[in-house]
Amino acid sequence: MAERSRAGGRLVVLRGNSGSGKSTVARQVQERFPRGTCAVVSQDYLRRIVLREPDRPGAFNVTLIETVAGACLERGLVVIVEGIFDARRYSAVLARLADRVEHPLFYAWDLPFEETTRRHTMRSQSSEFTATQMSTWYHGWQFLDFTSEFRLDAQWPARVVTDRIVADLDAIRSAFRCPPSDPRP
């Protein structure tokens, strides 16, 4: 089987339990790029709003996330895929997306449940679901066996995480920029 060519976009994956700060960071990173050059693909939005689908094995949102993110990568965009992404259900799709690009970036929040509920109370959607509901989604730290992730704890404020991601994206772009041609004969 022929190897598939890699997409021209950049992939950033943000994983963590509800209330970690993924959506905030995704929006902040997107704001650092010119309009039309960075897409946020949100698990919550596609699953809860577009499909109104429960998070269960084999759910259609997994396919939709891969399709939307893949189309954006093919377009050459910076693509931020963010969600809880329970490894048991989403590891395969995240691996396929990572395989589509050079140097995917993975960041994961490792926060205790009490911290996620504390952060949840400060969100605009805090009235949409309760801490009890959040406890059913909470899975603690989950390792992905196909990539390395930058692991974030409660000491990482959103703005600092945003700065780190933008710096990492800049470093990748700089590392693969062609050097100027040598003017000597």
N, C-alpha and C. Protein backbone atom coordinates (compact mmCIF):
# COMPACT_ATOMS: atom_id res chain seq x y z
N MET A 1 0.84 -1.17 0.00
CA MET A 1 0.00 0.00 0.00
C MET A 1 0.89 1.24 0.00
N ALA A 2 0.58 2.21 -0.86
CA ALA A 2 1.37 3.44 -0.95
C ALA A 2 1.15 4.30 0.29
N GLU A 3 2.24 4.94 0.71
CA GLU A 3 2.13 5.83 1.87
C GLU A 3 1.41 7.10 1.45
N ARG A 4 0.47 7.52 2.27
CA ARG A 4 -0.29 8.73 1.99
C ARG A 4 0.57 9.95 2.26
N SER A 5 0.44 10.97 1.39
CA SER A 5 1.20 12.19 1.63
C SER A 5 0.61 12.92 2.83
N ARG A 6 1.46 13.68 3.48
CA ARG A 6 1.04 14.39 4.68
C ARG A 6 0.39 15.72 4.30
N ALA A 7 -0.58 16.11 5.10
CA ALA A 7 -1.28 17.37 4.89
C ALA A 7 -0.34 18.54 5.20
N GLY A 8 -0.65 19.69 4.66
CA GLY A 8 0.19 20.86 4.85
C GLY A 8 -0.10 21.63 6.12
N GLY A 9 -1.17 21.29 6.82
CA GLY A 9 -1.54 22.03 8.02
C GLY A 9 -0.74 21.60 9.24
N ARG A 10 -1.03 22.25 10.35
CA ARG A 10 -0.43 21.93 11.65
C ARG A 10 -1.53 21.47 12.58
N LEU A 11 -1.25 20.43 13.34
CA LEU A 11 -2.23 19.86 14.26
C LEU A 11 -1.82 20.12 15.70
N VAL A 12 -2.76 20.66 16.47
CA VAL A 12 -2.60 20.84 17.91
C VAL A 12 -3.78 20.12 18.56
N VAL A 13 -3.49 19.19 19.46
CA VAL A 13 -4.53 18.46 20.18
C VAL A 13 -4.49 18.88 21.64
N LEU A 14 -5.64 19.31 22.15
CA LEU A 14 -5.79 19.68 23.55
C LEU A 14 -6.75 18.69 24.20
N ARG A 15 -6.24 17.94 25.18
CA ARG A 15 -7.07 16.93 25.86
C ARG A 15 -7.13 17.23 27.35
N GLY A 16 -8.24 16.86 27.94
CA GLY A 16 -8.37 17.01 29.39
C GLY A 16 -9.81 16.90 29.81
N ASN A 17 -10.00 16.72 31.07
CA ASN A 17 -11.35 16.58 31.60
C ASN A 17 -12.12 17.89 31.49
N SER A 18 -13.42 17.80 31.58
CA SER A 18 -14.28 18.97 31.53
C SER A 18 -13.83 19.98 32.58
N GLY A 19 -13.75 21.24 32.19
CA GLY A 19 -13.34 22.28 33.12
C GLY A 19 -11.85 22.51 33.19
N SER A 20 -11.07 21.83 32.36
CA SER A 20 -9.60 21.97 32.41
C SER A 20 -9.13 23.31 31.87
N GLY A 21 -9.79 23.84 30.86
CA GLY A 21 -9.36 25.08 30.22
C GLY A 21 -9.06 24.93 28.74
N LYS A 22 -9.41 23.79 28.17
CA LYS A 22 -9.10 23.50 26.77
C LYS A 22 -9.73 24.50 25.81
N SER A 23 -11.01 24.77 25.97
CA SER A 23 -11.71 25.68 25.07
C SER A 23 -11.16 27.09 25.17
N THR A 24 -10.85 27.52 26.37
CA THR A 24 -10.27 28.85 26.57
C THR A 24 -8.95 28.96 25.84
N VAL A 25 -8.09 27.98 26.02
CA VAL A 25 -6.78 28.01 25.36
C VAL A 25 -6.95 27.92 23.84
N ALA A 26 -7.84 27.07 23.37
CA ALA A 26 -8.07 26.95 21.92
C ALA A 26 -8.47 28.29 21.32
N ARG A 27 -9.39 29.00 21.98
CA ARG A 27 -9.82 30.32 21.49
C ARG A 27 -8.66 31.32 21.52
N GLN A 28 -7.87 31.29 22.59
CA GLN A 28 -6.75 32.23 22.71
C GLN A 28 -5.69 31.97 21.64
N VAL A 29 -5.41 30.70 21.36
CA VAL A 29 -4.44 30.39 20.30
C VAL A 29 -4.99 30.85 18.96
N GLN A 30 -6.25 30.56 18.69
CA GLN A 30 -6.85 30.95 17.41
C GLN A 30 -6.78 32.47 17.20
N GLU A 31 -6.97 33.23 18.27
CA GLU A 31 -6.93 34.69 18.17
C GLU A 31 -5.55 35.22 17.79
N ARG A 32 -4.52 34.42 17.95
CA ARG A 32 -3.16 34.84 17.62
C ARG A 32 -2.84 34.70 16.13
N PHE A 33 -3.75 34.10 15.38
CA PHE A 33 -3.54 33.86 13.95
C PHE A 33 -4.49 34.73 13.14
N PRO A 34 -4.09 35.09 11.92
CA PRO A 34 -5.00 35.85 11.06
C PRO A 34 -6.28 35.05 10.78
N ARG A 35 -7.37 35.76 10.59
CA ARG A 35 -8.65 35.10 10.28
C ARG A 35 -8.48 34.16 9.09
N GLY A 36 -9.12 33.00 9.19
CA GLY A 36 -9.10 32.04 8.10
C GLY A 36 -7.87 31.15 8.05
N THR A 37 -6.99 31.23 9.05
CA THR A 37 -5.77 30.42 9.02
C THR A 37 -5.69 29.40 10.15
N CYS A 38 -6.62 29.48 11.10
CA CYS A 38 -6.61 28.59 12.26
C CYS A 38 -8.03 28.17 12.58
N ALA A 39 -8.26 26.87 12.65
CA ALA A 39 -9.60 26.33 12.94
C ALA A 39 -9.60 25.62 14.28
N VAL A 40 -10.68 25.79 15.03
CA VAL A 40 -10.88 25.06 16.27
C VAL A 40 -11.97 24.02 16.02
N VAL A 41 -11.61 22.77 16.24
CA VAL A 41 -12.55 21.65 16.09
C VAL A 41 -12.84 21.15 17.51
N SER A 42 -14.01 21.47 17.99
CA SER A 42 -14.38 21.17 19.37
C SER A 42 -15.24 19.92 19.48
N GLN A 43 -14.77 18.97 20.26
CA GLN A 43 -15.53 17.75 20.51
C GLN A 43 -16.91 18.10 21.07
N ASP A 44 -16.95 18.98 22.06
CA ASP A 44 -18.23 19.36 22.67
C ASP A 44 -19.19 19.94 21.65
N TYR A 45 -18.71 20.85 20.81
CA TYR A 45 -19.60 21.49 19.85
C TYR A 45 -20.15 20.48 18.85
N LEU A 46 -19.28 19.66 18.29
CA LEU A 46 -19.76 18.68 17.30
C LEU A 46 -20.66 17.62 17.94
N ARG A 47 -20.28 17.15 19.11
CA ARG A 47 -21.05 16.08 19.76
C ARG A 47 -22.33 16.61 20.40
N ARG A 48 -22.23 17.66 21.20
CA ARG A 48 -23.37 18.12 21.99
C ARG A 48 -24.30 19.05 21.23
N ILE A 49 -23.76 19.92 20.37
CA ILE A 49 -24.58 20.92 19.68
C ILE A 49 -24.99 20.44 18.29
N VAL A 50 -24.02 20.10 17.46
CA VAL A 50 -24.34 19.70 16.08
C VAL A 50 -25.12 18.40 16.05
N LEU A 51 -24.66 17.38 16.76
CA LEU A 51 -25.29 16.06 16.70
C LEU A 51 -26.25 15.75 17.84
N ARG A 52 -26.12 16.46 18.97
CA ARG A 52 -26.89 16.16 20.18
C ARG A 52 -26.79 14.66 20.48
N GLU A 53 -25.56 14.19 20.54
CA GLU A 53 -25.26 12.77 20.65
C GLU A 53 -24.55 12.48 21.98
N PRO A 54 -24.90 11.39 22.65
CA PRO A 54 -24.15 11.03 23.86
C PRO A 54 -22.75 10.54 23.50
N ASP A 55 -21.84 10.65 24.45
CA ASP A 55 -20.47 10.18 24.22
C ASP A 55 -20.44 8.68 24.52
N ARG A 56 -20.41 7.90 23.48
CA ARG A 56 -20.40 6.44 23.62
C ARG A 56 -19.51 5.84 22.55
N PRO A 57 -19.06 4.62 22.75
CA PRO A 57 -18.21 3.98 21.73
C PRO A 57 -18.93 3.92 20.38
N GLY A 58 -18.19 4.21 19.32
CA GLY A 58 -18.73 4.14 17.98
C GLY A 58 -19.64 5.27 17.59
N ALA A 59 -19.74 6.31 18.39
CA ALA A 59 -20.62 7.44 18.09
C ALA A 59 -20.13 8.17 16.83
N PHE A 60 -21.06 8.79 16.12
CA PHE A 60 -20.75 9.46 14.87
C PHE A 60 -19.85 10.67 15.04
N ASN A 61 -19.84 11.29 16.23
CA ASN A 61 -19.01 12.49 16.41
C ASN A 61 -17.54 12.19 16.16
N VAL A 62 -17.10 10.98 16.42
CA VAL A 62 -15.70 10.61 16.19
C VAL A 62 -15.37 10.78 14.70
N THR A 63 -16.23 10.27 13.85
CA THR A 63 -16.05 10.40 12.40
C THR A 63 -16.11 11.86 11.97
N LEU A 64 -17.05 12.60 12.55
CA LEU A 64 -17.21 14.00 12.18
C LEU A 64 -15.98 14.82 12.59
N ILE A 65 -15.45 14.58 13.76
CA ILE A 65 -14.24 15.27 14.21
C ILE A 65 -13.10 15.01 13.22
N GLU A 66 -12.92 13.75 12.86
CA GLU A 66 -11.84 13.39 11.93
C GLU A 66 -12.05 14.04 10.56
N THR A 67 -13.28 14.06 10.08
CA THR A 67 -13.58 14.63 8.77
C THR A 67 -13.34 16.13 8.74
N VAL A 68 -13.85 16.84 9.74
CA VAL A 68 -13.69 18.30 9.79
C VAL A 68 -12.22 18.66 9.98
N ALA A 69 -11.56 18.05 10.94
CA ALA A 69 -10.14 18.35 11.18
C ALA A 69 -9.31 18.00 9.96
N GLY A 70 -9.58 16.86 9.36
CA GLY A 70 -8.83 16.44 8.17
C GLY A 70 -8.98 17.42 7.02
N ALA A 71 -10.19 17.91 6.78
CA ALA A 71 -10.42 18.88 5.71
C ALA A 71 -9.65 20.17 5.98
N CYS A 72 -9.63 20.60 7.22
CA CYS A 72 -8.89 21.82 7.58
C CYS A 72 -7.38 21.62 7.43
N LEU A 73 -6.89 20.45 7.80
CA LEU A 73 -5.46 20.15 7.63
C LEU A 73 -5.09 20.16 6.15
N GLU A 74 -5.92 19.54 5.33
CA GLU A 74 -5.66 19.50 3.88
C GLU A 74 -5.63 20.91 3.30
N ARG A 75 -6.39 21.80 3.89
CA ARG A 75 -6.44 23.20 3.44
C ARG A 75 -5.19 23.97 3.88
N GLY A 76 -4.39 23.36 4.77
CA GLY A 76 -3.16 23.99 5.23
C GLY A 76 -3.32 24.85 6.47
N LEU A 77 -4.43 24.69 7.18
CA LEU A 77 -4.68 25.49 8.37
C LEU A 77 -3.97 24.94 9.60
N VAL A 78 -3.81 25.79 10.59
CA VAL A 78 -3.47 25.33 11.93
C VAL A 78 -4.79 24.82 12.49
N VAL A 79 -4.82 23.57 12.93
CA VAL A 79 -6.05 22.96 13.42
C VAL A 79 -5.88 22.59 14.88
N ILE A 80 -6.75 23.15 15.71
CA ILE A 80 -6.75 22.84 17.13
C ILE A 80 -7.94 21.94 17.39
N VAL A 81 -7.67 20.70 17.75
CA VAL A 81 -8.71 19.73 18.07
C VAL A 81 -8.75 19.65 19.58
N GLU A 82 -9.90 20.00 20.17
CA GLU A 82 -9.96 20.03 21.62
C GLU A 82 -11.18 19.29 22.15
N GLY A 83 -10.95 18.57 23.27
CA GLY A 83 -12.04 17.85 23.89
C GLY A 83 -11.55 17.00 25.05
N ILE A 84 -12.50 16.39 25.73
CA ILE A 84 -12.14 15.47 26.80
C ILE A 84 -11.32 14.33 26.22
N PHE A 85 -11.78 13.76 25.12
CA PHE A 85 -11.09 12.71 24.39
C PHE A 85 -10.63 11.55 25.26
N ASP A 86 -11.59 10.91 25.87
CA ASP A 86 -11.33 9.68 26.62
C ASP A 86 -10.52 8.76 25.70
N ALA A 87 -9.34 8.36 26.13
CA ALA A 87 -8.43 7.58 25.29
C ALA A 87 -9.05 6.28 24.80
N ARG A 88 -9.95 5.69 25.58
CA ARG A 88 -10.56 4.43 25.16
C ARG A 88 -11.43 4.60 23.93
N ARG A 89 -11.98 5.79 23.73
CA ARG A 89 -12.87 6.03 22.59
C ARG A 89 -12.21 6.83 21.47
N TYR A 90 -11.24 7.65 21.79
CA TYR A 90 -10.72 8.61 20.81
C TYR A 90 -9.26 8.40 20.42
N SER A 91 -8.56 7.48 21.03
CA SER A 91 -7.15 7.27 20.73
C SER A 91 -6.92 6.98 19.24
N ALA A 92 -7.73 6.13 18.66
CA ALA A 92 -7.53 5.75 17.26
C ALA A 92 -7.69 6.95 16.32
N VAL A 93 -8.72 7.76 16.53
CA VAL A 93 -8.93 8.90 15.65
C VAL A 93 -7.83 9.94 15.84
N LEU A 94 -7.39 10.15 17.07
CA LEU A 94 -6.30 11.10 17.31
C LEU A 94 -5.01 10.61 16.66
N ALA A 95 -4.77 9.32 16.69
CA ALA A 95 -3.58 8.75 16.04
C ALA A 95 -3.65 8.94 14.52
N ARG A 96 -4.82 8.73 13.94
CA ARG A 96 -4.97 8.92 12.49
C ARG A 96 -4.74 10.38 12.11
N LEU A 97 -5.27 11.31 12.91
CA LEU A 97 -5.05 12.72 12.62
C LEU A 97 -3.57 13.07 12.76
N ALA A 98 -2.93 12.57 13.80
CA ALA A 98 -1.50 12.85 14.00
C ALA A 98 -0.67 12.33 12.84
N ASP A 99 -1.09 11.21 12.27
CA ASP A 99 -0.36 10.61 11.16
C ASP A 99 -0.48 11.43 9.87
N ARG A 100 -1.41 12.35 9.83
CA ARG A 100 -1.64 13.15 8.62
C ARG A 100 -0.69 14.34 8.49
N VAL A 101 0.03 14.67 9.56
CA VAL A 101 0.87 15.87 9.54
C VAL A 101 2.27 15.57 10.07
N GLU A 102 3.18 16.46 9.75
CA GLU A 102 4.51 16.41 10.35
C GLU A 102 4.44 17.11 11.70
N HIS A 103 5.01 16.55 12.71
CA HIS A 103 5.17 17.17 14.02
C HIS A 103 3.87 17.65 14.67
N PRO A 104 2.92 16.74 14.89
CA PRO A 104 1.72 17.15 15.63
C PRO A 104 2.08 17.51 17.07
N LEU A 105 1.32 18.41 17.64
CA LEU A 105 1.55 18.85 19.02
C LEU A 105 0.39 18.40 19.90
N PHE A 106 0.70 17.71 20.99
CA PHE A 106 -0.31 17.21 21.91
C PHE A 106 -0.07 17.81 23.30
N TYR A 107 -1.14 18.33 23.90
CA TYR A 107 -1.09 18.89 25.25
C TYR A 107 -2.26 18.28 26.02
N ALA A 108 -2.00 17.89 27.26
CA ALA A 108 -3.07 17.27 28.06
C ALA A 108 -3.03 17.80 29.48
N TRP A 109 -4.20 18.15 29.98
CA TRP A 109 -4.34 18.61 31.36
C TRP A 109 -4.51 17.41 32.27
N ASP A 110 -3.77 17.42 33.34
CA ASP A 110 -3.85 16.38 34.37
C ASP A 110 -4.23 17.09 35.67
N LEU A 111 -5.53 17.25 35.87
CA LEU A 111 -6.05 18.00 37.01
C LEU A 111 -6.90 17.10 37.90
N PRO A 112 -6.85 17.31 39.20
CA PRO A 112 -7.76 16.56 40.07
C PRO A 112 -9.20 17.02 39.83
N PHE A 113 -10.14 16.16 40.12
CA PHE A 113 -11.55 16.47 39.89
C PHE A 113 -11.96 17.76 40.59
N GLU A 114 -11.48 17.98 41.80
CA GLU A 114 -11.85 19.18 42.56
C GLU A 114 -11.43 20.45 41.81
N GLU A 115 -10.29 20.42 41.15
CA GLU A 115 -9.84 21.58 40.39
C GLU A 115 -10.71 21.81 39.16
N THR A 116 -11.12 20.74 38.48
CA THR A 116 -11.98 20.91 37.30
C THR A 116 -13.34 21.49 37.70
N THR A 117 -13.88 21.06 38.83
CA THR A 117 -15.17 21.61 39.26
C THR A 117 -15.02 23.06 39.71
N ARG A 118 -13.90 23.40 40.34
CA ARG A 118 -13.65 24.79 40.72
C ARG A 118 -13.61 25.67 39.48
N ARG A 119 -12.88 25.23 38.46
CA ARG A 119 -12.78 26.00 37.22
C ARG A 119 -14.14 26.08 36.51
N HIS A 120 -14.90 25.01 36.61
CA HIS A 120 -16.22 24.98 35.96
C HIS A 120 -17.13 26.07 36.49
N THR A 121 -17.06 26.36 37.77
CA THR A 121 -17.94 27.38 38.36
C THR A 121 -17.66 28.77 37.79
N MET A 122 -16.50 28.97 37.18
CA MET A 122 -16.15 30.26 36.61
C MET A 122 -16.50 30.38 35.12
N ARG A 123 -17.04 29.32 34.53
CA ARG A 123 -17.34 29.32 33.09
C ARG A 123 -18.76 29.80 32.83
N SER A 124 -18.96 30.34 31.63
CA SER A 124 -20.30 30.80 31.25
C SER A 124 -21.29 29.64 31.17
N GLN A 125 -20.83 28.45 30.83
CA GLN A 125 -21.74 27.31 30.71
C GLN A 125 -21.89 26.53 32.02
N SER A 126 -21.53 27.13 33.13
CA SER A 126 -21.59 26.41 34.41
C SER A 126 -23.01 25.98 34.77
N SER A 127 -24.01 26.65 34.22
CA SER A 127 -25.39 26.26 34.51
C SER A 127 -25.88 25.13 33.60
N GLU A 128 -25.11 24.78 32.57
CA GLU A 128 -25.52 23.74 31.63
C GLU A 128 -25.39 22.33 32.19
N PHE A 129 -24.44 22.12 33.12
CA PHE A 129 -24.28 20.80 33.73
C PHE A 129 -23.66 20.96 35.10
N THR A 130 -23.89 19.96 35.93
CA THR A 130 -23.49 20.02 37.33
C THR A 130 -22.18 19.27 37.57
N ALA A 131 -21.64 19.48 38.76
CA ALA A 131 -20.44 18.75 39.17
C ALA A 131 -20.72 17.25 39.21
N THR A 132 -21.93 16.88 39.59
CA THR A 132 -22.29 15.46 39.61
C THR A 132 -22.22 14.88 38.20
N GLN A 133 -22.73 15.62 37.21
CA GLN A 133 -22.64 15.15 35.83
C GLN A 133 -21.17 15.09 35.39
N MET A 134 -20.41 16.09 35.76
CA MET A 134 -18.99 16.10 35.41
C MET A 134 -18.26 14.89 35.98
N SER A 135 -18.67 14.45 37.16
CA SER A 135 -17.99 13.30 37.78
C SER A 135 -18.16 12.04 36.95
N THR A 136 -19.24 11.94 36.18
CA THR A 136 -19.44 10.76 35.33
C THR A 136 -18.53 10.79 34.10
N TRP A 137 -18.05 11.97 33.73
CA TRP A 137 -17.16 12.10 32.58
C TRP A 137 -15.70 12.07 32.98
N TYR A 138 -15.43 12.32 34.25
CA TYR A 138 -14.05 12.45 34.72
C TYR A 138 -13.34 11.10 34.65
N HIS A 139 -12.15 11.09 34.05
CA HIS A 139 -11.41 9.83 33.94
C HIS A 139 -9.97 9.93 34.42
N GLY A 140 -9.60 11.07 34.99
CA GLY A 140 -8.22 11.20 35.44
C GLY A 140 -7.26 11.25 34.28
N TRP A 141 -5.99 11.00 34.58
CA TRP A 141 -4.96 11.02 33.55
C TRP A 141 -5.05 9.78 32.69
N GLN A 142 -4.96 9.95 31.38
CA GLN A 142 -4.93 8.83 30.44
C GLN A 142 -3.77 9.01 29.47
N PHE A 143 -2.97 8.01 29.40
CA PHE A 143 -1.79 7.98 28.54
C PHE A 143 -2.19 7.63 27.11
N LEU A 144 -1.59 8.30 26.13
CA LEU A 144 -1.73 7.92 24.72
C LEU A 144 -0.44 7.20 24.31
N ASP A 145 -0.58 6.02 23.75
CA ASP A 145 0.61 5.21 23.46
C ASP A 145 1.26 5.49 22.10
N PHE A 146 0.74 6.42 21.32
CA PHE A 146 1.29 6.66 19.99
C PHE A 146 2.03 7.99 19.88
N THR A 147 2.04 8.79 20.94
CA THR A 147 2.67 10.10 20.87
C THR A 147 3.11 10.54 22.26
N SER A 148 3.88 11.60 22.31
CA SER A 148 4.18 12.20 23.61
C SER A 148 3.31 13.44 23.75
N GLU A 149 2.91 13.72 24.97
CA GLU A 149 2.06 14.87 25.25
C GLU A 149 2.76 15.77 26.25
N PHE A 150 2.55 17.06 26.09
CA PHE A 150 3.01 18.00 27.10
C PHE A 150 1.94 17.99 28.19
N ARG A 151 2.31 17.54 29.36
CA ARG A 151 1.36 17.34 30.46
C ARG A 151 1.27 18.61 31.31
N LEU A 152 0.04 19.11 31.47
CA LEU A 152 -0.21 20.36 32.17
C LEU A 152 -0.91 20.09 33.49
N ASP A 153 -0.46 20.78 34.54
CA ASP A 153 -1.14 20.65 35.83
C ASP A 153 -1.81 21.98 36.17
N ALA A 154 -2.33 22.09 37.36
CA ALA A 154 -3.09 23.27 37.77
C ALA A 154 -2.24 24.53 37.84
N GLN A 155 -0.92 24.38 37.83
CA GLN A 155 -0.03 25.55 37.92
C GLN A 155 0.12 26.28 36.59
N TRP A 156 -0.45 25.74 35.52
CA TRP A 156 -0.32 26.34 34.20
C TRP A 156 -1.55 27.21 33.89
N PRO A 157 -1.44 28.54 33.99
CA PRO A 157 -2.56 29.41 33.61
C PRO A 157 -2.80 29.36 32.10
N ALA A 158 -4.01 29.63 31.70
CA ALA A 158 -4.39 29.54 30.28
C ALA A 158 -3.48 30.39 29.39
N ARG A 159 -3.18 31.61 29.79
CA ARG A 159 -2.37 32.49 28.95
C ARG A 159 -0.96 31.93 28.76
N VAL A 160 -0.41 31.31 29.77
CA VAL A 160 0.93 30.71 29.66
C VAL A 160 0.90 29.49 28.74
N VAL A 161 -0.16 28.69 28.83
CA VAL A 161 -0.31 27.54 27.93
C VAL A 161 -0.44 28.04 26.49
N THR A 162 -1.23 29.08 26.30
CA THR A 162 -1.40 29.67 24.96
C THR A 162 -0.05 30.12 24.41
N ASP A 163 0.72 30.85 25.22
CA ASP A 163 2.04 31.30 24.78
C ASP A 163 2.93 30.12 24.41
N ARG A 164 2.89 29.06 25.19
CA ARG A 164 3.70 27.86 24.93
C ARG A 164 3.32 27.23 23.59
N ILE A 165 2.03 27.08 23.33
CA ILE A 165 1.57 26.45 22.08
C ILE A 165 1.98 27.30 20.88
N VAL A 166 1.78 28.60 20.96
CA VAL A 166 2.16 29.48 19.85
C VAL A 166 3.67 29.42 19.62
N ALA A 167 4.45 29.41 20.69
CA ALA A 167 5.91 29.29 20.56
C ALA A 167 6.29 27.95 19.93
N ASP A 168 5.62 26.87 20.34
CA ASP A 168 5.91 25.55 19.75
C ASP A 168 5.57 25.53 18.27
N LEU A 169 4.45 26.14 17.88
CA LEU A 169 4.08 26.21 16.46
C LEU A 169 5.11 27.05 15.69
N ASP A 170 5.55 28.15 16.26
CA ASP A 170 6.58 28.99 15.62
C ASP A 170 7.89 28.23 15.46
N ALA A 171 8.25 27.45 16.48
CA ALA A 171 9.50 26.68 16.42
C ALA A 171 9.45 25.65 15.30
N ILE A 172 8.32 25.01 15.13
CA ILE A 172 8.18 24.04 14.04
C ILE A 172 8.30 24.73 12.70
N ARG A 173 7.60 25.85 12.55
CA ARG A 173 7.65 26.59 11.29
C ARG A 173 9.08 27.04 10.99
N SER A 174 9.78 27.55 11.98
CA SER A 174 11.16 28.01 11.78
C SER A 174 12.11 26.87 11.46
N ALA A 175 11.92 25.74 12.11
CA ALA A 175 12.81 24.60 11.90
C ALA A 175 12.72 24.05 10.49
N PHE A 176 11.57 24.23 9.84
CA PHE A 176 11.40 23.64 8.51
C PHE A 176 11.37 24.67 7.40
N ARG A 177 11.72 25.90 7.74
CA ARG A 177 11.83 26.95 6.73
C ARG A 177 13.13 26.71 5.96
N CYS A 178 13.07 26.84 4.67
CA CYS A 178 14.27 26.63 3.86
C CYS A 178 15.26 27.76 4.10
N PRO A 179 16.54 27.43 4.24
CA PRO A 179 17.53 28.51 4.41
C PRO A 179 17.64 29.32 3.13
N PRO A 180 18.04 30.59 3.25
CA PRO A 180 18.20 31.39 2.04
C PRO A 180 19.27 30.78 1.14
N SER A 181 19.10 30.96 -0.14
CA SER A 181 20.09 30.40 -1.06
C SER A 181 21.41 31.15 -0.91
N ASP A 182 22.49 30.42 -1.12
CA ASP A 182 23.83 30.98 -0.98
C ASP A 182 24.15 31.80 -2.24
N PRO A 183 24.40 33.13 -2.09
CA PRO A 183 24.65 33.95 -3.27
C PRO A 183 26.03 33.73 -3.89
N ARG A 184 26.90 32.98 -3.23
CA ARG A 184 28.24 32.77 -3.79
C ARG A 184 28.16 31.84 -5.00
N PRO A 185 29.07 32.06 -5.95
CA PRO A 185 29.06 31.17 -7.15
C PRO A 185 29.49 29.76 -6.84
